[in-house]
Amino acid sequence: MSDSMMYSDIRNFMAEGEQKVRHSDKKFRALKFIVGALCLILIVEVVLYTVIIPSKAPIKISFSGLQMYTAEEMCQILNTGPHQTWSKFDSALAASVLADCPWIESVSVTKGFPDTVTISVKERIPVAATLLNVDGRTIPVHIDETGVLFMAKAGASINHLPLISGLPVEEFNDGMRLPSTYRNFIQQLAKIQRLPQKYLATISEIHVDVKEYGNFDLILYPVHSHTKVLMDRTFSEDSLQYMVVVLDVVNSLGPGISEIDLRYGSVSFRTKVSGS
């Protein structure tokens, strides 16, 4: 009888063990199903956000640093339409296209996942303007502080800028740079523009009188005077202050003086009658 009881206990123990194993198998299969479902959802989301959305959603382009140009004009330069997608937008090509624009000094293009593009632009700030003959017509050209010449935007006024004439530009190329001989003069002009005193507002035109061996003098035409002023290439605040004082004195003498010469550290003048 004891043997039969022992045999029965063993069978019951084995049955309980098999039941526990089957229960554990069910839990394991359920866990595998849950893990598999989560992995599938993760894969779908990865595909959705890395492939589908970037390839279908139109990009959102934001610009910073624009002054003369608008975001719409920039998009026209980049040839981007409302259906341009993020994945197909080439940031390196966009930066290259914009860097080739003569009026842009520097540019950076950054793509932000999943649909944004940020373009930061530094435009060239004109400090002076000149008029050049291109293909038989006279066009306004801007000059920035570093001596780069670039075409003024269509419709833009140059009246607020000092007008420079006589620059030795035989063949104009948009984005070209002035010879180094004249860059110091342009830099000095930019410094004077930033002063609180509006010296340049009293001058209607600055003519560059080119001499031999790369030298040049300046001929200034005051706004409210028929007397032109000769000045050497040392263009500074001091020289302009000196010009204003001399003009006041000369204008008080009468209308007969046609030219004042401030070169060589002395003052001389030419009258309309005597020519000396």
C-alpha atoms as a PDB file:
ATOM      1  CA  MET A   1       0.000   0.000   0.000  1.00  0.00           C
ATOM      2  CA  SER A   2       2.859   2.304   0.753  1.00  0.00           C
ATOM      3  CA  ASP A   3       4.271   1.695  -2.726  1.00  0.00           C
ATOM      4  CA  SER A   4       0.995   2.646  -4.371  1.00  0.00           C
ATOM      5  CA  MET A   5       0.780   5.819  -2.341  1.00  0.00           C
ATOM      6  CA  MET A   6       4.328   6.759  -3.256  1.00  0.00           C
ATOM      7  CA  TYR A   7       3.577   6.090  -6.934  1.00  0.00           C
ATOM      8  CA  SER A   8       0.468   8.273  -6.692  1.00  0.00           C
ATOM      9  CA  ASP A   9       2.448  11.076  -5.060  1.00  0.00           C
ATOM     10  CA  ILE A  10       5.051  10.916  -7.813  1.00  0.00           C
ATOM     11  CA  ARG A  11       2.374  11.109 -10.496  1.00  0.00           C
ATOM     12  CA  ASN A  12       0.764  14.054  -8.786  1.00  0.00           C
ATOM     13  CA  PHE A  13       4.117  15.822  -8.496  1.00  0.00           C
ATOM     14  CA  MET A  14       4.898  15.223 -12.162  1.00  0.00           C
ATOM     15  CA  ALA A  15       1.423  16.411 -13.158  1.00  0.00           C
ATOM     16  CA  GLU A  16       1.866  19.584 -11.152  1.00  0.00           C
ATOM     17  CA  GLY A  17       5.289  20.099 -12.752  1.00  0.00           C
ATOM     18  CA  GLU A  18       3.869  19.644 -16.250  1.00  0.00           C
ATOM     19  CA  GLN A  19       1.090  22.092 -15.439  1.00  0.00           C
ATOM     20  CA  LYS A  20       3.598  24.675 -14.209  1.00  0.00           C
ATOM     21  CA  VAL A  21       5.701  24.173 -17.359  1.00  0.00           C
ATOM     22  CA  ARG A  22       2.662  24.652 -19.578  1.00  0.00           C
ATOM     23  CA  HIS A  23       1.729  27.788 -17.619  1.00  0.00           C
ATOM     24  CA  SER A  24       5.280  29.132 -17.947  1.00  0.00           C
ATOM     25  CA  ASP A  25       5.211  28.417 -21.697  1.00  0.00           C
ATOM     26  CA  LYS A  26       2.003  30.400 -22.039  1.00  0.00           C
ATOM     27  CA  LYS A  27       3.550  33.347 -20.172  1.00  0.00           C
ATOM     28  CA  PHE A  28       6.706  33.162 -22.288  1.00  0.00           C
ATOM     29  CA  ARG A  29       4.703  33.043 -25.521  1.00  0.00           C
ATOM     30  CA  ALA A  30       2.610  36.000 -24.343  1.00  0.00           C
ATOM     31  CA  LEU A  31       5.765  37.920 -23.443  1.00  0.00           C
ATOM     32  CA  LYS A  32       7.291  37.123 -26.836  1.00  0.00           C
ATOM     33  CA  PHE A  33       4.115  38.359 -28.519  1.00  0.00           C
ATOM     34  CA  ILE A  34       4.167  41.618 -26.564  1.00  0.00           C
ATOM     35  CA  VAL A  35       7.881  42.184 -27.261  1.00  0.00           C
ATOM     36  CA  GLY A  36       7.357  41.383 -30.934  1.00  0.00           C
ATOM     37  CA  ALA A  37       4.420  43.792 -31.167  1.00  0.00           C
ATOM     38  CA  LEU A  38       6.422  46.564 -29.501  1.00  0.00           C
ATOM     39  CA  CYS A  39       9.345  45.965 -31.873  1.00  0.00           C
ATOM     40  CA  LEU A  40       6.975  46.085 -34.836  1.00  0.00           C
ATOM     41  CA  ILE A  41       5.486  49.382 -33.609  1.00  0.00           C
ATOM     42  CA  LEU A  42       8.996  50.790 -33.120  1.00  0.00           C
ATOM     43  CA  ILE A  43      10.013  49.735 -36.634  1.00  0.00           C
ATOM     44  CA  VAL A  44       6.865  51.314 -38.090  1.00  0.00           C
ATOM     45  CA  GLU A  45       7.562  54.591 -36.247  1.00  0.00           C
ATOM     46  CA  VAL A  46      11.192  54.616 -37.389  1.00  0.00           C
ATOM     47  CA  VAL A  47      10.129  54.078 -40.992  1.00  0.00           C
ATOM     48  CA  LEU A  48       7.370  56.671 -40.608  1.00  0.00           C
ATOM     49  CA  TYR A  49       9.619  59.428 -39.230  1.00  0.00           C
ATOM     50  CA  THR A  50      12.789  58.689 -41.208  1.00  0.00           C
ATOM     51  CA  VAL A  51      11.331  57.773 -44.595  1.00  0.00           C
ATOM     52  CA  ILE A  52       7.670  58.554 -45.064  1.00  0.00           C
ATOM     53  CA  ILE A  53       7.323  61.955 -43.357  1.00  0.00           C
ATOM     54  CA  PRO A  54      10.590  63.428 -44.733  1.00  0.00           C
ATOM     55  CA  SER A  55       9.749  62.171 -48.214  1.00  0.00           C
ATOM     56  CA  LYS A  56       6.152  63.413 -48.197  1.00  0.00           C
ATOM     57  CA  ALA A  57       5.959  66.501 -45.976  1.00  0.00           C
ATOM     58  CA  PRO A  58       6.935  69.862 -47.566  1.00  0.00           C
ATOM     59  CA  ILE A  59       9.894  71.618 -45.958  1.00  0.00           C
ATOM     60  CA  LYS A  60       9.535  74.685 -43.762  1.00  0.00           C
ATOM     61  CA  ILE A  61      12.326  77.149 -44.632  1.00  0.00           C
ATOM     62  CA  SER A  62      13.139  80.027 -42.295  1.00  0.00           C
ATOM     63  CA  PHE A  63      15.603  82.820 -43.124  1.00  0.00           C
ATOM     64  CA  SER A  64      17.548  85.160 -40.871  1.00  0.00           C
ATOM     65  CA  GLY A  65      19.768  88.133 -41.664  1.00  0.00           C
ATOM     66  CA  LEU A  66      17.824  89.344 -44.719  1.00  0.00           C
ATOM     67  CA  GLN A  67      17.731  93.107 -45.260  1.00  0.00           C
ATOM     68  CA  MET A  68      17.339  93.957 -48.945  1.00  0.00           C
ATOM     69  CA  TYR A  69      15.830  90.666 -50.099  1.00  0.00           C
ATOM     70  CA  THR A  70      12.703  88.788 -49.014  1.00  0.00           C
ATOM     71  CA  ALA A  71      12.183  85.118 -48.153  1.00  0.00           C
ATOM     72  CA  GLU A  72      10.139  84.680 -51.334  1.00  0.00           C
ATOM     73  CA  GLU A  73      12.990  86.032 -53.474  1.00  0.00           C
ATOM     74  CA  MET A  74      15.441  83.727 -51.718  1.00  0.00           C
ATOM     75  CA  CYS A  75      13.222  80.715 -52.453  1.00  0.00           C
ATOM     76  CA  GLN A  76      13.143  81.751 -56.102  1.00  0.00           C
ATOM     77  CA  ILE A  77      16.941  81.822 -56.160  1.00  0.00           C
ATOM     78  CA  LEU A  78      16.997  78.346 -54.601  1.00  0.00           C
ATOM     79  CA  ASN A  79      14.235  77.185 -56.963  1.00  0.00           C
ATOM     80  CA  THR A  80      12.279  75.653 -54.092  1.00  0.00           C
ATOM     81  CA  GLY A  81       8.529  75.253 -54.440  1.00  0.00           C
ATOM     82  CA  PRO A  82       5.741  74.459 -51.967  1.00  0.00           C
ATOM     83  CA  HIS A  83       6.104  70.732 -52.693  1.00  0.00           C
ATOM     84  CA  GLN A  84       9.855  70.507 -52.037  1.00  0.00           C
ATOM     85  CA  THR A  85      10.419  67.711 -49.519  1.00  0.00           C
ATOM     86  CA  TRP A  86      12.908  67.609 -46.661  1.00  0.00           C
ATOM     87  CA  SER A  87      14.658  64.443 -47.804  1.00  0.00           C
ATOM     88  CA  LYS A  88      15.268  65.816 -51.300  1.00  0.00           C
ATOM     89  CA  PHE A  89      16.513  69.213 -50.135  1.00  0.00           C
ATOM     90  CA  ASP A  90      20.292  69.405 -50.695  1.00  0.00           C
ATOM     91  CA  SER A  91      21.677  71.766 -48.033  1.00  0.00           C
ATOM     92  CA  ALA A  92      25.211  71.762 -49.498  1.00  0.00           C
ATOM     93  CA  LEU A  93      23.886  72.707 -52.942  1.00  0.00           C
ATOM     94  CA  ALA A  94      21.684  75.436 -51.447  1.00  0.00           C
ATOM     95  CA  ALA A  95      24.646  76.920 -49.564  1.00  0.00           C
ATOM     96  CA  SER A  96      26.730  76.834 -52.756  1.00  0.00           C
ATOM     97  CA  VAL A  97      24.013  78.551 -54.811  1.00  0.00           C
ATOM     98  CA  LEU A  98      23.588  81.343 -52.276  1.00  0.00           C
ATOM     99  CA  ALA A  99      27.343  81.771 -51.747  1.00  0.00           C
ATOM    100  CA  ASP A 100      27.637  82.486 -55.485  1.00  0.00           C
ATOM    101  CA  CYS A 101      25.325  85.505 -55.136  1.00  0.00           C
ATOM    102  CA  PRO A 102      27.603  88.587 -55.259  1.00  0.00           C
ATOM    103  CA  TRP A 103      25.483  90.443 -52.672  1.00  0.00           C
ATOM    104  CA  ILE A 104      25.849  87.680 -50.063  1.00  0.00           C
ATOM    105  CA  GLU A 105      28.951  87.835 -47.875  1.00  0.00           C
ATOM    106  CA  SER A 106      28.374  84.541 -46.030  1.00  0.00           C
ATOM    107  CA  VAL A 107      25.647  81.906 -45.623  1.00  0.00           C
ATOM    108  CA  SER A 108      24.937  78.781 -43.578  1.00  0.00           C
ATOM    109  CA  VAL A 109      22.229  76.164 -44.229  1.00  0.00           C
ATOM    110  CA  THR A 110      21.063  73.763 -41.515  1.00  0.00           C
ATOM    111  CA  LYS A 111      18.486  70.965 -41.846  1.00  0.00           C
ATOM    112  CA  GLY A 112      16.368  70.180 -38.794  1.00  0.00           C
ATOM    113  CA  PHE A 113      14.570  66.848 -38.568  1.00  0.00           C
ATOM    114  CA  PRO A 114      11.918  66.132 -39.697  1.00  0.00           C
ATOM    115  CA  ASP A 115      10.878  69.040 -41.958  1.00  0.00           C
ATOM    116  CA  THR A 116      12.696  72.321 -41.182  1.00  0.00           C
ATOM    117  CA  VAL A 117      15.553  74.147 -42.919  1.00  0.00           C
ATOM    118  CA  THR A 118      17.218  77.203 -41.372  1.00  0.00           C
ATOM    119  CA  ILE A 119      19.194  79.543 -43.635  1.00  0.00           C
ATOM    120  CA  SER A 120      21.295  82.299 -42.079  1.00  0.00           C
ATOM    121  CA  VAL A 121      22.470  84.997 -44.501  1.00  0.00           C
ATOM    122  CA  LYS A 122      24.848  87.912 -44.107  1.00  0.00           C
ATOM    123  CA  GLU A 123      24.237  90.405 -46.882  1.00  0.00           C
ATOM    124  CA  ARG A 124      26.884  92.813 -48.097  1.00  0.00           C
ATOM    125  CA  ILE A 125      26.122  96.272 -46.732  1.00  0.00           C
ATOM    126  CA  PRO A 126      26.760  98.986 -49.329  1.00  0.00           C
ATOM    127  CA  VAL A 127      28.751 101.966 -48.104  1.00  0.00           C
ATOM    128  CA  ALA A 128      28.883 103.742 -51.475  1.00  0.00           C
ATOM    129  CA  ALA A 129      27.546 103.548 -54.996  1.00  0.00           C
ATOM    130  CA  THR A 130      28.902 104.163 -58.455  1.00  0.00           C
ATOM    131  CA  LEU A 131      27.517 104.225 -61.996  1.00  0.00           C
ATOM    132  CA  LEU A 132      29.117 101.912 -64.549  1.00  0.00           C
ATOM    133  CA  ASN A 133      28.530 101.305 -68.222  1.00  0.00           C
ATOM    134  CA  VAL A 134      27.536  97.683 -68.867  1.00  0.00           C
ATOM    135  CA  ASP A 135      26.453  96.516 -72.325  1.00  0.00           C
ATOM    136  CA  GLY A 136      25.818 100.052 -73.462  1.00  0.00           C
ATOM    137  CA  ARG A 137      23.706 101.106 -70.494  1.00  0.00           C
ATOM    138  CA  THR A 138      24.516 102.820 -67.226  1.00  0.00           C
ATOM    139  CA  ILE A 139      23.654 100.793 -64.131  1.00  0.00           C
ATOM    140  CA  PRO A 140      23.958 101.558 -60.399  1.00  0.00           C
ATOM    141  CA  VAL A 141      26.527  99.410 -58.602  1.00  0.00           C
ATOM    142  CA  HIS A 142      26.974  99.079 -54.856  1.00  0.00           C
ATOM    143  CA  ILE A 143      30.337  98.960 -53.070  1.00  0.00           C
ATOM    144  CA  ASP A 144      30.765  97.327 -49.670  1.00  0.00           C
ATOM    145  CA  GLU A 145      33.407  98.086 -47.030  1.00  0.00           C
ATOM    146  CA  THR A 146      35.812  95.468 -48.397  1.00  0.00           C
ATOM    147  CA  GLY A 147      35.735  96.973 -51.893  1.00  0.00           C
ATOM    148  CA  VAL A 148      33.423  94.389 -53.503  1.00  0.00           C
ATOM    149  CA  LEU A 149      31.270  95.746 -56.340  1.00  0.00           C
ATOM    150  CA  PHE A 150      27.831  94.191 -56.797  1.00  0.00           C
ATOM    151  CA  MET A 151      24.782  95.206 -58.778  1.00  0.00           C
ATOM    152  CA  ALA A 152      22.133  97.102 -56.869  1.00  0.00           C
ATOM    153  CA  LYS A 153      18.819  95.295 -56.493  1.00  0.00           C
ATOM    154  CA  ALA A 154      16.307  96.255 -59.151  1.00  0.00           C
ATOM    155  CA  GLY A 155      14.290  99.212 -57.944  1.00  0.00           C
ATOM    156  CA  ALA A 156      16.625  99.973 -55.033  1.00  0.00           C
ATOM    157  CA  SER A 157      17.550 103.618 -54.527  1.00  0.00           C
ATOM    158  CA  ILE A 158      21.182 104.709 -54.248  1.00  0.00           C
ATOM    159  CA  ASN A 159      20.382 108.281 -53.235  1.00  0.00           C
ATOM    160  CA  HIS A 160      21.212 107.611 -49.575  1.00  0.00           C
ATOM    161  CA  LEU A 161      24.741 106.461 -50.467  1.00  0.00           C
ATOM    162  CA  PRO A 162      27.825 108.523 -51.349  1.00  0.00           C
ATOM    163  CA  LEU A 163      28.262 108.553 -55.125  1.00  0.00           C
ATOM    164  CA  ILE A 164      31.785 107.746 -56.321  1.00  0.00           C
ATOM    165  CA  SER A 165      32.828 108.363 -59.909  1.00  0.00           C
ATOM    166  CA  GLY A 166      36.068 107.834 -61.824  1.00  0.00           C
ATOM    167  CA  LEU A 167      36.909 104.389 -60.432  1.00  0.00           C
ATOM    168  CA  PRO A 168      39.184 102.540 -62.888  1.00  0.00           C
ATOM    169  CA  VAL A 169      36.780  99.712 -63.700  1.00  0.00           C
ATOM    170  CA  GLU A 170      37.302  98.791 -67.339  1.00  0.00           C
ATOM    171  CA  GLU A 171      35.135  95.673 -67.355  1.00  0.00           C
ATOM    172  CA  PHE A 172      32.584  95.122 -64.620  1.00  0.00           C
ATOM    173  CA  ASN A 173      31.934  91.635 -63.257  1.00  0.00           C
ATOM    174  CA  ASP A 174      29.269  91.292 -60.591  1.00  0.00           C
ATOM    175  CA  GLY A 175      31.086  90.490 -57.346  1.00  0.00           C
ATOM    176  CA  MET A 176      34.504  91.776 -58.430  1.00  0.00           C
ATOM    177  CA  ARG A 177      36.752  93.551 -55.944  1.00  0.00           C
ATOM    178  CA  LEU A 178      38.418  96.932 -56.383  1.00  0.00           C
ATOM    179  CA  PRO A 179      42.224  97.000 -56.640  1.00  0.00           C
ATOM    180  CA  SER A 180      43.910  97.182 -53.229  1.00  0.00           C
ATOM    181  CA  THR A 181      44.993 100.784 -53.928  1.00  0.00           C
ATOM    182  CA  TYR A 182      41.411 102.003 -53.467  1.00  0.00           C
ATOM    183  CA  ARG A 183      40.246  99.741 -50.630  1.00  0.00           C
ATOM    184  CA  ASN A 184      41.705 101.913 -47.867  1.00  0.00           C
ATOM    185  CA  PHE A 185      39.718 104.875 -49.217  1.00  0.00           C
ATOM    186  CA  ILE A 186      36.511 102.773 -49.155  1.00  0.00           C
ATOM    187  CA  GLN A 187      37.245 101.619 -45.596  1.00  0.00           C
ATOM    188  CA  GLN A 188      37.786 105.229 -44.502  1.00  0.00           C
ATOM    189  CA  LEU A 189      34.513 106.151 -46.180  1.00  0.00           C
ATOM    190  CA  ALA A 190      32.726 103.428 -44.198  1.00  0.00           C
ATOM    191  CA  LYS A 191      34.237 104.703 -40.923  1.00  0.00           C
ATOM    192  CA  ILE A 192      33.050 108.251 -41.655  1.00  0.00           C
ATOM    193  CA  GLN A 193      29.559 106.926 -42.423  1.00  0.00           C
ATOM    194  CA  ARG A 194      29.333 105.442 -38.937  1.00  0.00           C
ATOM    195  CA  LEU A 195      30.094 108.787 -37.261  1.00  0.00           C
ATOM    196  CA  PRO A 196      27.200 110.711 -35.671  1.00  0.00           C
ATOM    197  CA  GLN A 197      28.173 113.765 -37.729  1.00  0.00           C
ATOM    198  CA  LYS A 198      26.747 113.429 -41.248  1.00  0.00           C
ATOM    199  CA  TYR A 199      29.728 114.754 -43.179  1.00  0.00           C
ATOM    200  CA  LEU A 200      28.919 112.779 -46.306  1.00  0.00           C
ATOM    201  CA  ALA A 201      25.439 114.290 -46.526  1.00  0.00           C
ATOM    202  CA  THR A 202      27.119 117.560 -47.530  1.00  0.00           C
ATOM    203  CA  ILE A 203      28.790 115.942 -50.569  1.00  0.00           C
ATOM    204  CA  SER A 204      26.914 115.103 -53.761  1.00  0.00           C
ATOM    205  CA  GLU A 205      29.774 113.274 -55.488  1.00  0.00           C
ATOM    206  CA  ILE A 206      33.330 112.074 -54.879  1.00  0.00           C
ATOM    207  CA  HIS A 207      35.398 111.787 -58.033  1.00  0.00           C
ATOM    208  CA  VAL A 208      38.514 109.608 -58.060  1.00  0.00           C
ATOM    209  CA  ASP A 209      41.150 111.429 -60.113  1.00  0.00           C
ATOM    210  CA  VAL A 210      43.529 108.634 -61.142  1.00  0.00           C
ATOM    211  CA  LYS A 211      47.180 109.593 -61.503  1.00  0.00           C
ATOM    212  CA  GLU A 212      50.247 107.738 -62.767  1.00  0.00           C
ATOM    213  CA  TYR A 213      51.718 104.743 -60.961  1.00  0.00           C
ATOM    214  CA  GLY A 214      48.476 103.887 -59.169  1.00  0.00           C
ATOM    215  CA  ASN A 215      48.176 107.172 -57.276  1.00  0.00           C
ATOM    216  CA  PHE A 216      44.965 109.165 -57.109  1.00  0.00           C
ATOM    217  CA  ASP A 217      43.467 112.350 -55.711  1.00  0.00           C
ATOM    218  CA  LEU A 218      39.883 113.072 -54.772  1.00  0.00           C
ATOM    219  CA  ILE A 219      37.592 115.783 -56.116  1.00  0.00           C
ATOM    220  CA  LEU A 220      34.627 116.493 -53.843  1.00  0.00           C
ATOM    221  CA  TYR A 221      31.484 118.274 -55.025  1.00  0.00           C
ATOM    222  CA  PRO A 222      29.628 119.874 -52.073  1.00  0.00           C
ATOM    223  CA  VAL A 223      25.833 119.821 -52.158  1.00  0.00           C
ATOM    224  CA  HIS A 224      25.181 123.513 -51.478  1.00  0.00           C
ATOM    225  CA  SER A 225      28.146 125.019 -53.285  1.00  0.00           C
ATOM    226  CA  HIS A 226      29.439 125.374 -56.841  1.00  0.00           C
ATOM    227  CA  THR A 227      32.996 125.177 -55.554  1.00  0.00           C
ATOM    228  CA  LYS A 228      34.705 121.827 -55.961  1.00  0.00           C
ATOM    229  CA  VAL A 229      37.290 120.679 -53.443  1.00  0.00           C
ATOM    230  CA  LEU A 230      40.560 118.901 -54.291  1.00  0.00           C
ATOM    231  CA  MET A 231      41.807 116.514 -51.637  1.00  0.00           C
ATOM    232  CA  ASP A 232      44.552 113.901 -51.500  1.00  0.00           C
ATOM    233  CA  ARG A 233      43.859 110.218 -50.831  1.00  0.00           C
ATOM    234  CA  THR A 234      44.027 110.791 -47.051  1.00  0.00           C
ATOM    235  CA  PHE A 235      40.272 110.784 -46.642  1.00  0.00           C
ATOM    236  CA  SER A 236      39.418 111.178 -42.952  1.00  0.00           C
ATOM    237  CA  GLU A 237      37.200 112.961 -40.454  1.00  0.00           C
ATOM    238  CA  ASP A 238      39.887 115.614 -39.917  1.00  0.00           C
ATOM    239  CA  SER A 239      40.156 116.373 -43.633  1.00  0.00           C
ATOM    240  CA  LEU A 240      36.379 116.699 -43.939  1.00  0.00           C
ATOM    241  CA  GLN A 241      36.202 118.993 -40.913  1.00  0.00           C
ATOM    242  CA  TYR A 242      38.922 121.119 -42.502  1.00  0.00           C
ATOM    243  CA  MET A 243      36.956 121.186 -45.769  1.00  0.00           C
ATOM    244  CA  VAL A 244      33.789 122.390 -44.016  1.00  0.00           C
ATOM    245  CA  VAL A 245      35.672 125.230 -42.287  1.00  0.00           C
ATOM    246  CA  VAL A 246      37.404 126.332 -45.493  1.00  0.00           C
ATOM    247  CA  LEU A 247      34.137 126.219 -47.442  1.00  0.00           C
ATOM    248  CA  ASP A 248      32.471 128.488 -44.880  1.00  0.00           C
ATOM    249  CA  VAL A 249      35.294 131.006 -45.223  1.00  0.00           C
ATOM    250  CA  VAL A 250      35.373 130.825 -49.027  1.00  0.00           C
ATOM    251  CA  ASN A 251      31.585 131.145 -49.366  1.00  0.00           C
ATOM    252  CA  SER A 252      31.732 134.284 -47.284  1.00  0.00           C
ATOM    253  CA  LEU A 253      34.156 135.803 -49.812  1.00  0.00           C
ATOM    254  CA  GLY A 254      31.690 135.601 -52.673  1.00  0.00           C
ATOM    255  CA  PRO A 255      30.619 133.304 -55.528  1.00  0.00           C
ATOM    256  CA  GLY A 256      33.708 133.782 -57.701  1.00  0.00           C
ATOM    257  CA  ILE A 257      35.781 130.845 -56.392  1.00  0.00           C
ATOM    258  CA  SER A 258      35.406 127.668 -58.473  1.00  0.00           C
ATOM    259  CA  GLU A 259      37.947 125.379 -56.838  1.00  0.00           C
ATOM    260  CA  ILE A 260      39.650 124.860 -53.478  1.00  0.00           C
ATOM    261  CA  ASP A 261      42.831 122.810 -53.243  1.00  0.00           C
ATOM    262  CA  LEU A 262      43.494 121.234 -49.833  1.00  0.00           C
ATOM    263  CA  ARG A 263      46.336 118.999 -50.961  1.00  0.00           C
ATOM    264  CA  TYR A 264      49.935 119.174 -49.768  1.00  0.00           C
ATOM    265  CA  GLY A 265      49.020 120.620 -46.347  1.00  0.00           C
ATOM    266  CA  SER A 266      48.087 124.060 -47.638  1.00  0.00           C
ATOM    267  CA  VAL A 267      45.041 125.892 -48.975  1.00  0.00           C
ATOM    268  CA  SER A 268      44.827 127.437 -52.425  1.00  0.00           C
ATOM    269  CA  PHE A 269      41.887 128.371 -54.578  1.00  0.00           C
ATOM    270  CA  ARG A 270      41.022 129.081 -58.189  1.00  0.00           C
ATOM    271  CA  THR A 271      38.677 131.834 -59.278  1.00  0.00           C
ATOM    272  CA  LYS A 272      36.426 131.712 -62.321  1.00  0.00           C
ATOM    273  CA  VAL A 273      37.946 134.915 -63.714  1.00  0.00           C
ATOM    274  CA  SER A 274      41.678 134.541 -63.185  1.00  0.00           C
ATOM    275  CA  GLY A 275      41.868 130.731 -63.279  1.00  0.00           C
ATOM    276  CA  SER A 276      44.604 130.737 -60.648  1.00  0.00           C
END
